[in-house]
């Protein structure tokens, strides 16, 4: 069984009777290799500009773009910018007249020289001839040392793991987390009744709660403490 006919986001589709049935085998799924979640995004992009009827054309264009980029593996993030560029080509009506920054950086070998060498040379030249590509060609990546990164992220004296955490998550969020050492309490679905009673016991407005299910009922009541009774 194929992974889905063109235009269907999964292995099954609705039948006229409302039941799920396997979709028809379709070889083009193995050509464009667009993940299921991206199919719905692609359809949404086209719908926004009134071109949903060109969905199949956009899928064919995705296959062409993937081939011209050197048969990229269709996983995040490569699948996203292949799909976006294909949608732009269809929407604009001229291939590579407008190009995403991700496609430009790929053509400039920011993702690796080997990948850039696998691109179709005509497509690569067309992309790199765009004014936006000339701007990106002047860009130099930031290449700080580990000590520089520690100073930037206030991680002097911290472990390498802490340094990476601050770089990925952001030092402000990490500092906020460190400033609040008390963990948040979450309800545990393993003991729903116990957790429900625990939460209700913290409320001061309710003195009793009644819980009833088939074959079981309980009515806990909060009694006033001796100190509270003497004050009243």
Protein backbone atom coordinates (compact mmCIF):
# COMPACT_ATOMS: atom_id res chain seq x y z
CA UNK A 1 0.00 0.00 0.00
CA UNK A 2 1.31 3.48 -0.79
CA UNK A 3 1.61 6.22 1.76
CA UNK A 4 -1.30 8.13 0.27
CA UNK A 5 -2.75 9.26 -3.02
CA UNK A 6 -1.86 12.73 -4.24
CA UNK A 7 -3.97 15.21 -2.31
CA UNK A 8 -4.71 12.91 0.62
CA UNK A 9 -2.91 13.56 3.91
CA UNK A 10 -2.57 10.00 5.17
CA UNK A 11 -3.07 6.33 4.48
CA UNK A 12 -6.87 6.45 4.66
CA UNK A 13 -9.66 8.63 3.30
CA UNK A 14 -13.39 8.95 3.93
CA UNK A 15 -15.71 6.79 1.86
CA UNK A 16 -19.20 7.96 0.78
CA UNK A 17 -20.65 5.90 3.63
CA UNK A 18 -18.55 7.77 6.17
CA UNK A 19 -16.12 4.91 6.80
CA UNK A 20 -12.36 5.02 6.41
CA UNK A 21 -10.90 3.01 3.57
CA UNK A 22 -7.32 2.67 2.25
CA UNK A 23 -6.50 5.21 -0.45
CA UNK A 24 -5.47 4.15 -3.91
CA UNK A 25 -1.77 3.46 -4.45
CA UNK A 26 -0.05 6.42 -6.07
CA UNK A 27 3.56 6.36 -7.23
CA UNK A 28 3.93 10.17 -7.23
CA UNK A 29 4.03 10.08 -3.42
CA UNK A 30 7.47 8.50 -3.77
CA UNK A 31 8.57 11.23 -6.19
CA UNK A 32 7.68 14.39 -4.30
CA UNK A 33 7.93 12.71 -0.84
CA UNK A 34 6.07 15.61 0.80
CA UNK A 35 5.25 14.69 4.44
CA UNK A 36 1.57 14.44 5.31
CA UNK A 37 1.54 17.54 7.49
CA UNK A 38 3.04 19.61 4.69
CA UNK A 39 0.33 18.58 2.26
CA UNK A 40 -2.30 20.39 4.29
CA UNK A 41 0.00 23.43 4.69
CA UNK A 42 0.59 23.55 0.94
CA UNK A 43 -3.12 23.38 0.27
CA UNK A 44 -3.68 26.18 2.82
CA UNK A 45 -1.06 28.42 1.16
CA UNK A 46 -2.74 28.00 -2.21
CA UNK A 47 -6.21 28.52 -0.76
CA UNK A 48 -5.16 31.87 0.72
CA UNK A 49 -4.41 33.21 -2.77
CA UNK A 50 -7.32 31.48 -4.49
CA UNK A 51 -5.22 28.81 -6.19
CA UNK A 52 -6.24 25.66 -4.36
CA UNK A 53 -7.27 24.16 -7.70
CA UNK A 54 -3.55 24.09 -8.62
CA UNK A 55 -2.65 21.81 -5.74
CA UNK A 56 -1.59 18.90 -7.96
CA UNK A 57 0.54 21.27 -10.03
CA UNK A 58 2.22 22.47 -6.84
CA UNK A 59 3.02 18.87 -5.89
CA UNK A 60 4.60 18.30 -9.29
CA UNK A 61 6.59 21.51 -8.83
CA UNK A 62 7.77 20.25 -5.44
CA UNK A 63 9.23 17.21 -7.15
CA UNK A 64 11.01 19.45 -9.69
CA UNK A 65 12.44 21.74 -7.00
CA UNK A 66 13.62 18.77 -4.95
CA UNK A 67 15.36 17.31 -7.98
CA UNK A 68 17.01 20.64 -8.87
CA UNK A 69 18.24 21.05 -5.31
CA UNK A 70 19.97 17.66 -5.49
CA UNK A 71 17.24 15.30 -4.27
CA UNK A 72 17.09 16.62 -0.72
CA UNK A 73 15.77 14.34 1.98
CA UNK A 74 12.27 15.58 2.76
CA UNK A 75 12.57 16.13 6.50
CA UNK A 76 12.55 19.31 8.57
CA UNK A 77 13.85 21.88 7.72
CA UNK A 78 14.72 20.89 4.14
CA UNK A 79 11.21 19.76 3.27
CA UNK A 80 9.78 23.12 4.39
CA UNK A 81 11.84 25.33 2.13
CA UNK A 82 11.50 22.95 -0.82
CA UNK A 83 7.72 23.02 -0.42
CA UNK A 84 7.60 26.80 0.11
CA UNK A 85 9.72 27.46 -2.97
CA UNK A 86 7.54 25.18 -5.05
CA UNK A 87 4.40 27.01 -3.86
CA UNK A 88 5.99 30.39 -4.68
CA UNK A 89 6.92 29.20 -8.18
CA UNK A 90 3.32 28.18 -8.84
CA UNK A 91 1.76 31.28 -7.27
CA UNK A 92 4.08 33.76 -9.06
CA UNK A 93 3.80 31.90 -12.35
CA UNK A 94 7.53 32.11 -13.09
CA UNK A 95 10.03 29.69 -11.65
CA UNK A 96 12.54 31.22 -9.21
CA UNK A 97 11.52 34.81 -9.94
CA UNK A 98 11.09 35.16 -6.19
CA UNK A 99 13.15 32.97 -3.87
CA UNK A 100 13.11 32.39 -0.12
CA UNK A 101 16.13 33.30 1.98
CA UNK A 102 16.48 29.63 2.88
CA UNK A 103 16.86 28.69 -0.78
CA UNK A 104 19.40 31.48 -1.30
CA UNK A 105 21.48 30.41 1.67
CA UNK A 106 21.35 26.82 0.44
CA UNK A 107 22.63 27.91 -2.98
CA UNK A 108 25.40 29.89 -1.25
CA UNK A 109 26.54 26.68 0.46
CA UNK A 110 25.58 27.86 3.94
CA UNK A 111 24.22 24.36 4.46
CA UNK A 112 27.45 22.79 3.19
CA UNK A 113 29.50 22.98 0.01
CA UNK A 114 28.72 19.38 -0.95
CA UNK A 115 24.98 20.03 -0.96
CA UNK A 116 25.42 23.19 -3.04
CA UNK A 117 27.49 21.28 -5.60
CA UNK A 118 24.58 18.87 -6.09
CA UNK A 119 22.25 21.68 -7.20
CA UNK A 120 21.28 22.14 -10.85
CA UNK A 121 23.85 24.70 -12.03
CA UNK A 122 21.32 26.69 -14.08
CA UNK A 123 18.95 27.00 -11.12
CA UNK A 124 21.80 27.89 -8.79
CA UNK A 125 23.03 30.63 -11.14
CA UNK A 126 19.52 32.05 -11.48
CA UNK A 127 19.09 32.16 -7.70
CA UNK A 128 22.51 33.72 -7.06
CA UNK A 129 21.89 36.39 -9.69
CA UNK A 130 19.02 37.85 -7.65
CA UNK A 131 19.66 41.13 -5.74
CA UNK A 132 18.71 39.47 -2.45
CA UNK A 133 21.32 36.75 -3.07
CA UNK A 134 24.01 39.40 -3.53
CA UNK A 135 23.10 40.80 -0.11
CA UNK A 136 23.38 37.38 1.49
CA UNK A 137 26.71 36.76 -0.28
CA UNK A 138 28.25 39.54 1.87
CA UNK A 139 27.05 37.98 5.11
CA UNK A 140 29.65 36.42 7.38
CA UNK A 141 28.49 33.93 10.01
CA UNK A 142 29.20 34.70 13.63
CA UNK A 143 31.81 32.26 14.91
CA UNK A 144 32.40 33.00 18.59
CA UNK A 145 34.71 30.95 20.75
CA UNK A 146 33.38 28.98 23.71
CA UNK A 147 34.70 31.62 26.12
CA UNK A 148 32.97 34.39 24.16
CA UNK A 149 29.71 32.44 24.23
CA UNK A 150 30.00 32.00 27.99
CA UNK A 151 30.43 35.74 28.48
CA UNK A 152 27.50 36.56 26.19
CA UNK A 153 25.19 34.12 27.93
CA UNK A 154 26.31 34.79 31.50
CA UNK A 155 27.51 31.21 31.74
CA UNK A 156 31.00 31.70 33.17
CA UNK A 157 31.78 28.78 35.44
CA UNK A 158 28.80 26.75 34.18
CA UNK A 159 29.04 23.31 32.63
CA UNK A 160 29.02 22.73 28.88
CA UNK A 161 25.49 21.36 29.22
CA UNK A 162 24.36 24.60 30.86
CA UNK A 163 26.06 26.62 28.14
CA UNK A 164 24.23 24.70 25.41
CA UNK A 165 20.95 25.03 27.29
CA UNK A 166 21.35 28.81 27.50
CA UNK A 167 22.24 29.00 23.81
CA UNK A 168 19.24 26.93 22.66
CA UNK A 169 16.56 28.09 25.11
CA UNK A 170 17.80 31.63 25.78
CA UNK A 171 19.56 33.01 28.83
CA UNK A 172 16.58 35.13 29.93
CA UNK A 173 14.28 32.12 30.12
CA UNK A 174 16.93 30.09 31.93
CA UNK A 175 17.50 32.89 34.45
CA UNK A 176 13.74 33.12 35.07
CA UNK A 177 13.59 29.38 35.64
CA UNK A 178 16.54 29.46 38.06
CA UNK A 179 14.90 32.33 39.98
CA UNK A 180 11.81 30.19 40.68
CA UNK A 181 13.11 26.90 42.06
CA UNK A 182 9.66 25.68 43.16
CA UNK A 183 8.34 23.29 40.52
CA UNK A 184 4.86 23.78 39.17
CA UNK A 185 2.26 21.24 40.30
CA UNK A 186 0.36 19.38 37.60
CA UNK A 187 -2.62 17.10 37.96
CA UNK A 188 -1.78 13.43 37.68
CA UNK A 189 -4.23 11.44 35.58
CA UNK A 190 -3.30 8.24 37.44
CA UNK A 191 -5.31 9.37 40.49
CA UNK A 192 -8.02 11.71 39.16
CA UNK A 193 -10.31 11.58 42.21
CA UNK A 194 -7.50 12.16 44.70
CA UNK A 195 -6.22 15.09 42.68
CA UNK A 196 -9.71 16.54 42.32
CA UNK A 197 -10.27 16.42 46.08
CA UNK A 198 -6.82 17.85 46.71
CA UNK A 199 -7.54 20.86 44.48
CA UNK A 200 -11.01 21.41 45.91
CA UNK A 201 -9.65 21.27 49.49
CA UNK A 202 -7.54 24.33 48.75
CA UNK A 203 -10.60 26.42 47.90
CA UNK A 204 -12.08 28.41 50.76
CA UNK A 205 -15.48 29.15 49.22
CA UNK A 206 -16.67 25.52 49.02
CA UNK A 207 -17.36 23.52 52.19
CA UNK A 208 -18.51 20.34 50.48
CA UNK A 209 -18.25 18.61 47.13
CA UNK A 210 -20.29 15.72 45.78
CA UNK A 211 -18.76 13.24 43.32
CA UNK A 212 -20.95 10.57 41.74
CA UNK A 213 -20.23 7.93 39.11
CA UNK A 214 -22.16 4.76 38.25
CA UNK A 215 -22.02 2.57 41.35
CA UNK A 216 -20.07 5.07 43.46
CA UNK A 217 -20.63 8.38 45.22
CA UNK A 218 -18.77 10.40 47.84
CA UNK A 219 -19.47 13.71 49.55
CA UNK A 220 -16.46 15.07 51.44
CA UNK A 221 -17.20 17.99 53.76
CA UNK A 222 -14.73 20.50 55.09
CA UNK A 223 -15.22 21.01 58.82
CA UNK A 224 -14.24 24.18 60.62
CA UNK A 225 -11.12 23.92 62.77
CA UNK A 226 -11.54 24.56 66.55
CA UNK A 227 -9.72 27.89 66.22
CA UNK A 228 -12.00 28.98 63.39
CA UNK A 229 -15.12 27.84 65.33
CA UNK A 230 -14.15 29.86 68.42
CA UNK A 231 -13.60 32.97 66.28
CA UNK A 232 -17.06 32.72 64.74
